[in-house]
Amino acid sequence: MATRSNERLRYRYGICLNDNCPKCKEKEVQEIPARKDFVCSNPECGKPLRECPPPKKGMNTKLIGGIVAALVVIGGGAGAYFAMGGDDSEKKEPVKTEVAAEKVDTVATEVAEAPAEKKAEEAKPAAPKTEDVAKTPKADKPAAPKAVTNGRGTVNLGYATYSGELRNGKPDGAGVMTFKSSHKAGRNFKTGEDVFGEPGETVDGVFSNGFLQVGTISKKDGNVIKIKY
């Protein structure tokens, strides 16, 4: 035991962790002098080693081979004796010689290095569970204003926009109509000729069931013409 302790003080033992190094693939236990850097002895590697117990030294294989050869010779001589007609009463059981060979323990320390992708996944913080995530309440959409069918309101007539008094969704009462496209506004109050409203021109008057009864139209040239149905 003292010899192994002194040997451990003079040497350090380790396994290379570099997957690209042949010594790592063979799981070779490297003996490094205590005063040297504790790195792989492979000049093409040089990576730090992982320290491990020193390997146990096995029994001298030459000695074991000699013992086995002797047993073979003894067995052959005994066979020749019985073949020559030796007395069965004098036959003796052959002595079984058990050769206890010390098993050589090989260091089978497997370095399980996780793949880089697995390490990256472990480094990431755990994603919160679905039930732990507070559900963000959806913002309620503003309710669309209800169309005014009776009273004061605004309606789109297609060719114009009307703002004023309404009845059943139609212009009915005092109001102002602004034209979006060219359309007949009414008739000239004096001459009876048709008067057309152009985009941007307005009619201020009194309406009944969607039709102008009487009012005035303001033209782009500044003229104000009194018109009727």
Protein backbone atom coordinates (compact mmCIF):
# COMPACT_ATOMS: atom_id res chain seq x y z
CA MET A 1 0.00 0.00 0.00
CA ALA A 2 2.87 2.35 0.83
CA THR A 3 4.32 1.77 -2.62
CA ARG A 4 1.03 2.73 -4.33
CA SER A 5 0.74 5.84 -2.10
CA ASN A 6 4.26 6.94 -2.97
CA GLU A 7 3.56 6.25 -6.64
CA ARG A 8 0.42 8.41 -6.48
CA LEU A 9 2.48 11.24 -4.96
CA ARG A 10 5.02 10.99 -7.79
CA TYR A 11 2.40 10.62 -10.54
CA ARG A 12 -1.12 11.77 -11.30
CA TYR A 13 -3.55 9.70 -13.37
CA GLY A 14 -6.25 11.07 -15.63
CA ILE A 15 -8.48 10.47 -18.65
CA CYS A 16 -8.67 12.79 -21.66
CA LEU A 17 -12.12 14.32 -22.27
CA ASN A 18 -11.46 15.49 -25.85
CA ASP A 19 -13.73 13.40 -28.12
CA ASN A 20 -11.36 13.96 -31.07
CA CYS A 21 -8.34 12.53 -29.19
CA PRO A 22 -7.51 8.79 -29.74
CA LYS A 23 -6.55 8.47 -26.06
CA CYS A 24 -10.03 9.65 -25.10
CA LYS A 25 -11.73 7.15 -27.45
CA GLU A 26 -9.64 4.29 -25.98
CA LYS A 27 -10.31 5.55 -22.40
CA GLU A 28 -6.58 5.31 -21.75
CA VAL A 29 -5.49 6.16 -18.20
CA GLN A 30 -2.51 8.49 -18.61
CA GLU A 31 0.31 8.63 -16.04
CA ILE A 32 1.55 12.21 -15.66
CA PRO A 33 4.52 13.16 -13.40
CA ALA A 34 3.34 15.29 -10.48
CA ARG A 35 5.47 18.27 -11.47
CA LYS A 36 4.24 18.43 -15.06
CA ASP A 37 1.05 20.04 -16.34
CA PHE A 38 -1.94 17.75 -15.90
CA VAL A 39 -2.83 17.69 -19.60
CA CYS A 40 -3.16 15.01 -22.31
CA SER A 41 0.20 13.55 -23.39
CA ASN A 42 -0.98 13.45 -27.00
CA PRO A 43 0.96 16.35 -28.62
CA GLU A 44 -1.97 16.96 -31.01
CA CYS A 45 -4.40 17.30 -28.09
CA GLY A 46 -2.94 18.84 -24.91
CA LYS A 47 -6.41 19.23 -23.31
CA PRO A 48 -6.79 19.11 -19.47
CA LEU A 49 -7.33 15.62 -18.02
CA ARG A 50 -9.98 14.40 -15.64
CA GLU A 51 -8.27 12.86 -12.59
CA CYS A 52 -9.02 9.19 -11.84
CA PRO A 53 -7.60 6.32 -9.67
CA PRO A 54 -4.41 4.64 -10.95
CA PRO A 55 -4.91 1.30 -12.75
CA LYS A 56 -4.28 -1.89 -10.74
CA LYS A 57 -1.30 -3.89 -11.95
CA GLY A 58 -2.08 -7.48 -12.97
CA MET A 59 -0.12 -10.69 -12.37
CA ASN A 60 2.95 -11.48 -14.48
CA THR A 61 1.57 -13.07 -17.66
CA LYS A 62 4.82 -14.97 -18.31
CA LEU A 63 4.53 -16.70 -14.92
CA ILE A 64 0.90 -17.65 -15.64
CA GLY A 65 1.92 -19.03 -19.03
CA GLY A 66 4.60 -21.24 -17.43
CA ILE A 67 2.15 -22.67 -14.90
CA VAL A 68 -0.36 -23.49 -17.60
CA ALA A 69 2.33 -25.24 -19.69
CA ALA A 70 3.38 -27.33 -16.67
CA LEU A 71 -0.19 -28.45 -16.10
CA VAL A 72 -0.47 -29.50 -19.73
CA VAL A 73 2.70 -31.63 -19.43
CA ILE A 74 1.50 -33.28 -16.21
CA GLY A 75 -1.87 -34.05 -17.77
CA GLY A 76 -0.17 -35.63 -20.81
CA GLY A 77 2.02 -37.90 -18.65
CA ALA A 78 -0.95 -39.13 -16.66
CA GLY A 79 -2.80 -39.96 -19.88
CA ALA A 80 0.17 -42.01 -21.16
CA TYR A 81 0.33 -43.96 -17.90
CA PHE A 82 -3.30 -45.05 -18.09
CA ALA A 83 -2.92 -45.93 -21.78
CA MET A 84 -0.10 -48.36 -20.92
CA GLY A 85 -2.44 -50.48 -18.75
CA GLY A 86 -1.80 -49.18 -15.31
CA ASP A 87 -3.75 -50.79 -12.44
CA ASP A 88 -7.12 -49.17 -11.97
CA SER A 89 -6.78 -49.65 -8.22
CA GLU A 90 -3.69 -47.50 -8.25
CA LYS A 91 -5.31 -44.76 -10.30
CA LYS A 92 -5.45 -41.55 -8.45
CA GLU A 93 -7.60 -38.62 -9.02
CA PRO A 94 -5.60 -35.97 -10.79
CA VAL A 95 -4.88 -33.05 -8.58
CA LYS A 96 -6.83 -30.09 -9.69
CA THR A 97 -4.63 -27.11 -9.60
CA GLU A 98 -6.46 -23.90 -9.58
CA VAL A 99 -4.50 -21.06 -10.85
CA ALA A 100 -5.94 -17.93 -9.40
CA ALA A 101 -5.01 -15.24 -11.78
CA GLU A 102 -5.61 -11.81 -10.49
CA LYS A 103 -8.02 -10.00 -12.71
CA VAL A 104 -6.70 -6.83 -14.14
CA ASP A 105 -9.14 -4.08 -13.39
CA THR A 106 -9.47 -1.76 -16.27
CA VAL A 107 -10.60 1.70 -15.60
CA ALA A 108 -13.96 1.93 -17.35
CA THR A 109 -14.91 5.36 -16.21
CA GLU A 110 -17.18 6.57 -18.96
CA VAL A 111 -17.16 10.27 -19.35
CA ALA A 112 -20.68 11.12 -20.41
CA GLU A 113 -20.42 14.47 -21.99
CA ALA A 114 -23.75 15.85 -23.02
CA PRO A 115 -23.96 17.17 -26.59
CA ALA A 116 -23.57 20.89 -27.04
CA GLU A 117 -27.24 21.23 -28.02
CA LYS A 118 -28.37 19.51 -24.79
CA LYS A 119 -26.12 21.79 -22.69
CA ALA A 120 -27.58 24.81 -24.44
CA GLU A 121 -31.09 23.61 -23.66
CA GLU A 122 -30.19 23.08 -19.98
CA ALA A 123 -28.76 26.59 -19.82
CA LYS A 124 -32.01 28.11 -21.03
CA PRO A 125 -34.49 29.09 -18.32
CA ALA A 126 -37.47 26.83 -18.06
CA ALA A 127 -40.42 28.12 -20.04
CA PRO A 128 -43.37 29.04 -17.85
CA LYS A 129 -46.23 26.58 -17.85
CA THR A 130 -49.35 27.47 -19.74
CA GLU A 131 -51.43 27.59 -16.60
CA ASP A 132 -48.92 29.97 -14.96
CA VAL A 133 -49.16 32.52 -17.72
CA ALA A 134 -51.74 35.10 -16.91
CA LYS A 135 -54.15 35.47 -19.73
CA THR A 136 -54.17 38.99 -21.03
CA PRO A 137 -57.74 40.20 -21.22
CA LYS A 138 -58.66 41.16 -24.69
CA ALA A 139 -59.56 44.78 -25.10
CA ASP A 140 -63.22 45.09 -25.84
CA LYS A 141 -63.86 46.61 -29.21
CA PRO A 142 -65.77 49.85 -28.97
CA ALA A 143 -69.37 49.25 -29.86
CA ALA A 144 -70.31 50.70 -33.20
CA PRO A 145 -72.62 53.66 -32.73
CA LYS A 146 -76.18 52.81 -33.51
CA ALA A 147 -77.54 54.45 -36.61
CA VAL A 148 -80.01 57.22 -35.76
CA THR A 149 -83.28 56.64 -37.53
CA ASN A 150 -85.38 59.24 -35.74
CA GLY A 151 -84.19 62.59 -34.41
CA ARG A 152 -81.02 64.41 -35.39
CA GLY A 153 -78.27 62.43 -37.11
CA THR A 154 -76.14 61.92 -40.21
CA VAL A 155 -76.82 59.57 -43.12
CA ASN A 156 -74.95 58.75 -46.32
CA LEU A 157 -77.16 59.18 -49.37
CA GLY A 158 -74.48 57.98 -51.80
CA TYR A 159 -74.25 61.12 -53.87
CA ALA A 160 -74.31 63.34 -50.76
CA THR A 161 -74.10 63.35 -46.96
CA TYR A 162 -77.05 64.68 -44.97
CA SER A 163 -76.91 66.00 -41.40
CA GLY A 164 -80.08 67.09 -39.67
CA GLU A 165 -83.48 65.82 -38.61
CA LEU A 166 -84.38 62.27 -39.57
CA ARG A 167 -87.47 60.13 -39.65
CA ASN A 168 -87.24 56.39 -40.33
CA GLY A 169 -83.64 56.96 -41.44
CA LYS A 170 -84.55 59.53 -44.11
CA PRO A 171 -84.08 63.34 -44.20
CA ASP A 172 -87.24 64.83 -42.70
CA GLY A 173 -87.08 68.36 -41.33
CA ALA A 174 -84.35 71.01 -41.30
CA GLY A 175 -80.91 69.88 -42.41
CA VAL A 176 -77.84 70.40 -44.59
CA MET A 177 -76.88 68.21 -47.55
CA THR A 178 -73.27 68.21 -48.86
CA PHE A 179 -72.76 66.78 -52.35
CA LYS A 180 -70.04 64.22 -53.10
CA SER A 181 -70.84 63.88 -56.79
CA SER A 182 -72.86 65.81 -59.36
CA HIS A 183 -76.59 65.33 -58.70
CA LYS A 184 -79.87 67.18 -59.17
CA ALA A 185 -80.55 69.35 -56.11
CA GLY A 186 -83.96 70.76 -57.13
CA ARG A 187 -85.53 73.42 -59.33
CA ASN A 188 -84.85 77.12 -59.46
CA PHE A 189 -87.55 78.75 -57.33
CA LYS A 190 -88.07 81.50 -59.90
CA THR A 191 -87.41 79.97 -63.34
CA GLY A 192 -88.27 76.35 -62.61
CA GLU A 193 -85.05 75.13 -64.25
CA ASP A 194 -83.23 72.12 -62.82
CA VAL A 195 -80.34 73.00 -60.51
CA PHE A 196 -77.48 70.51 -59.98
CA GLY A 197 -75.23 70.34 -57.02
CA GLU A 198 -71.50 69.70 -57.61
CA PRO A 199 -69.00 68.01 -55.21
CA GLY A 200 -68.44 70.27 -52.20
CA GLU A 201 -71.59 72.39 -52.70
CA THR A 202 -74.25 72.42 -49.98
CA VAL A 203 -78.01 72.71 -49.75
CA ASP A 204 -79.57 74.17 -46.60
CA GLY A 205 -83.30 73.55 -46.47
CA VAL A 206 -86.34 71.64 -45.30
CA PHE A 207 -86.84 68.02 -46.30
CA SER A 208 -89.77 65.62 -46.23
CA ASN A 209 -89.56 61.82 -46.55
CA GLY A 210 -86.08 62.13 -48.09
CA PHE A 211 -86.86 64.91 -50.60
CA LEU A 212 -86.01 68.61 -50.50
CA GLN A 213 -89.08 70.82 -50.16
CA VAL A 214 -87.49 74.25 -50.19
CA GLY A 215 -84.04 75.67 -49.48
CA THR A 216 -80.96 77.37 -50.86
CA ILE A 217 -77.90 75.93 -52.60
CA SER A 218 -74.48 77.57 -52.16
CA LYS A 219 -72.48 77.30 -55.38
CA LYS A 220 -68.70 77.30 -55.63
CA ASP A 221 -68.74 80.60 -57.55
CA GLY A 222 -70.37 82.27 -54.52
CA ASN A 223 -73.94 82.41 -55.84
CA VAL A 224 -76.79 81.37 -53.56
CA ILE A 225 -79.82 80.06 -55.40
CA LYS A 226 -83.23 79.43 -53.85
CA ILE A 227 -84.59 76.06 -54.95
CA LYS A 228 -87.60 73.88 -54.39
CA TYR A 229 -88.81 70.30 -55.04
